[in-house]
Protein backbone atom coordinates (compact mmCIF):
# COMPACT_ATOMS: atom_id res chain seq x y z
CA MET A 1 -39.65 -62.62 11.42
CA THR A 2 -38.73 -60.33 8.51
CA TYR A 3 -35.24 -60.47 7.05
CA VAL A 4 -33.85 -57.46 5.18
CA ILE A 5 -30.55 -57.71 3.33
CA VAL A 6 -28.93 -54.52 2.07
CA GLY A 7 -26.65 -55.31 -0.85
CA GLY A 8 -27.37 -57.56 -3.80
CA GLY A 9 -23.88 -58.86 -4.53
CA ILE A 10 -22.63 -62.37 -3.90
CA ALA A 11 -22.88 -62.09 -0.10
CA GLY A 12 -26.41 -60.69 -0.14
CA VAL A 13 -27.69 -63.14 -2.75
CA THR A 14 -26.11 -66.12 -0.99
CA ALA A 15 -27.57 -65.01 2.34
CA ALA A 16 -31.04 -64.62 0.81
CA GLN A 17 -30.81 -68.07 -0.72
CA LYS A 18 -29.70 -69.64 2.56
CA LEU A 19 -32.35 -67.81 4.60
CA ARG A 20 -35.01 -69.07 2.22
CA THR A 21 -33.84 -72.68 2.69
CA LEU A 22 -33.84 -72.26 6.48
CA ASP A 23 -37.17 -70.45 6.68
CA SER A 24 -39.59 -70.92 3.81
CA ALA A 25 -42.29 -68.65 5.23
CA ALA A 26 -40.61 -65.50 6.56
CA PRO A 27 -40.34 -62.47 4.29
CA VAL A 28 -36.86 -62.05 2.80
CA ILE A 29 -36.25 -58.63 1.24
CA LEU A 30 -33.08 -58.02 -0.76
CA VAL A 31 -32.34 -54.34 -1.43
CA GLU A 32 -29.92 -53.44 -4.24
CA ALA A 33 -29.05 -49.93 -5.43
CA GLU A 34 -28.16 -51.07 -8.95
CA PRO A 35 -31.15 -51.36 -11.29
CA ILE A 36 -30.12 -54.76 -12.69
CA PRO A 37 -29.98 -58.24 -11.13
CA TYR A 38 -26.85 -59.66 -9.52
CA TYR A 39 -24.03 -60.39 -11.96
CA LEU A 40 -20.55 -61.87 -11.72
CA ARG A 41 -18.31 -58.82 -11.42
CA PRO A 42 -15.15 -60.52 -12.77
CA GLY A 43 -17.11 -61.06 -16.00
CA LEU A 44 -17.43 -57.33 -16.60
CA ILE A 45 -14.15 -57.41 -18.52
CA GLU A 46 -15.77 -59.85 -20.98
CA VAL A 47 -18.76 -57.53 -21.31
CA LEU A 48 -16.42 -54.60 -21.91
CA ALA A 49 -14.55 -56.61 -24.56
CA GLY A 50 -17.82 -57.46 -26.29
CA GLN A 51 -17.39 -61.19 -25.66
CA LYS A 52 -20.56 -61.44 -23.57
CA GLY A 53 -23.64 -59.44 -22.78
CA LEU A 54 -24.71 -58.74 -19.21
CA GLU A 55 -27.11 -61.68 -19.38
CA GLY A 56 -24.06 -63.91 -19.95
CA ILE A 57 -22.68 -63.03 -16.52
CA THR A 58 -26.02 -63.00 -14.69
CA PRO A 59 -26.38 -66.38 -12.94
CA TYR A 60 -29.77 -65.63 -11.38
CA PRO A 61 -32.35 -63.73 -13.43
CA ARG A 62 -35.04 -61.81 -11.62
CA GLU A 63 -37.43 -64.77 -11.98
CA TRP A 64 -35.08 -66.90 -9.87
CA PHE A 65 -35.77 -64.64 -6.89
CA GLU A 66 -39.50 -64.49 -7.59
CA THR A 67 -39.89 -68.28 -7.67
CA ARG A 68 -38.17 -68.49 -4.28
CA GLY A 69 -40.32 -65.82 -2.70
CA ILE A 70 -37.45 -63.36 -2.28
CA ASP A 71 -38.60 -59.74 -2.60
CA TYR A 72 -35.82 -58.35 -4.80
CA ARG A 73 -35.82 -54.54 -4.70
CA LEU A 74 -33.63 -53.41 -7.60
CA GLY A 75 -32.72 -49.75 -8.01
CA GLU A 76 -33.50 -48.94 -4.38
CA ALA A 77 -30.61 -47.51 -2.40
CA ALA A 78 -30.57 -47.79 1.36
CA VAL A 79 -29.52 -44.44 2.79
CA GLY A 80 -30.11 -44.84 6.50
CA LEU A 81 -31.08 -46.99 9.46
CA ASP A 82 -33.60 -46.17 12.13
CA LEU A 83 -32.51 -48.63 14.78
CA ALA A 84 -35.07 -47.45 17.32
CA ARG A 85 -37.85 -48.39 14.89
CA ARG A 86 -35.90 -51.26 13.29
CA GLU A 87 -36.30 -49.83 9.80
CA VAL A 88 -34.09 -49.41 6.75
CA VAL A 89 -34.58 -45.99 5.13
CA LEU A 90 -34.53 -45.98 1.32
CA ALA A 91 -33.56 -43.07 -0.94
CA SER A 92 -37.22 -42.85 -2.01
CA GLY A 93 -38.17 -42.11 1.60
CA ARG A 94 -39.84 -45.48 2.00
CA ARG A 95 -38.98 -47.51 5.08
CA LEU A 96 -38.57 -51.26 5.39
CA PRO A 97 -39.23 -52.76 8.81
CA PHE A 98 -36.99 -55.66 9.79
CA THR A 99 -36.58 -58.21 12.53
CA ARG A 100 -33.12 -59.20 11.33
CA LEU A 101 -30.85 -57.04 9.15
CA LEU A 102 -27.77 -57.98 7.15
CA LEU A 103 -25.55 -55.27 5.67
CA ALA A 104 -23.80 -56.84 2.69
CA THR A 105 -22.88 -53.72 0.76
CA GLY A 106 -19.59 -54.94 -0.66
CA ALA A 107 -16.67 -52.74 -1.55
CA GLU A 108 -15.92 -49.68 -3.62
CA PRO A 109 -12.79 -49.23 -5.73
CA LEU A 110 -10.07 -47.15 -4.12
CA ARG A 111 -8.78 -44.33 -6.28
CA PRO A 112 -5.28 -43.73 -4.95
CA PRO A 113 -4.25 -40.13 -4.30
CA ILE A 114 -1.87 -39.87 -7.26
CA PRO A 115 -1.61 -37.06 -9.80
CA GLY A 116 -3.86 -37.61 -12.81
CA VAL A 117 -6.23 -40.11 -11.23
CA ASP A 118 -9.18 -37.77 -11.90
CA LEU A 119 -8.29 -36.96 -15.50
CA PRO A 120 -10.66 -37.84 -18.34
CA GLY A 121 -10.05 -41.37 -19.58
CA VAL A 122 -9.04 -42.78 -16.17
CA PHE A 123 -11.64 -45.30 -14.96
CA THR A 124 -12.43 -47.88 -12.34
CA LEU A 125 -14.29 -51.05 -13.33
CA ARG A 126 -16.70 -52.43 -10.75
CA THR A 127 -20.23 -52.04 -12.08
CA ALA A 128 -22.20 -52.42 -15.30
CA ALA A 129 -22.52 -48.62 -15.32
CA ASP A 130 -18.70 -48.41 -15.32
CA VAL A 131 -18.64 -50.51 -18.51
CA GLU A 132 -20.95 -47.99 -20.18
CA ARG A 133 -18.85 -45.03 -18.97
CA ILE A 134 -15.70 -46.62 -20.39
CA ARG A 135 -17.40 -47.33 -23.73
CA THR A 136 -18.65 -43.77 -24.23
């Protein structure tokens, strides 16, 4: 049995943790497009305000996953599924075979269709990269 989870937010991380407690031997692969470990998104406002660094809102450092035998693939975006072969296709062209697949990709901010929403200085705040865009 090989478990692949696409999405490294709260749902994906919680699922990986639970799978590991239920099955200590099966491979658990967690694929996350962002290049940094899971962080608490509501805390991004504190990072933006300079009250905390990203490490201050990161409850599970990369080592947490390693010690639990979870293969944490940071910076690897899933771009397709080959259901006939039971594989997740990554942006790099690599393929991850799976027995069980969980899609836990989360949400994206909705930019309403109102005049000015695409002007310079109008931002959404959902990711650590958004914090950097707002700061620069």
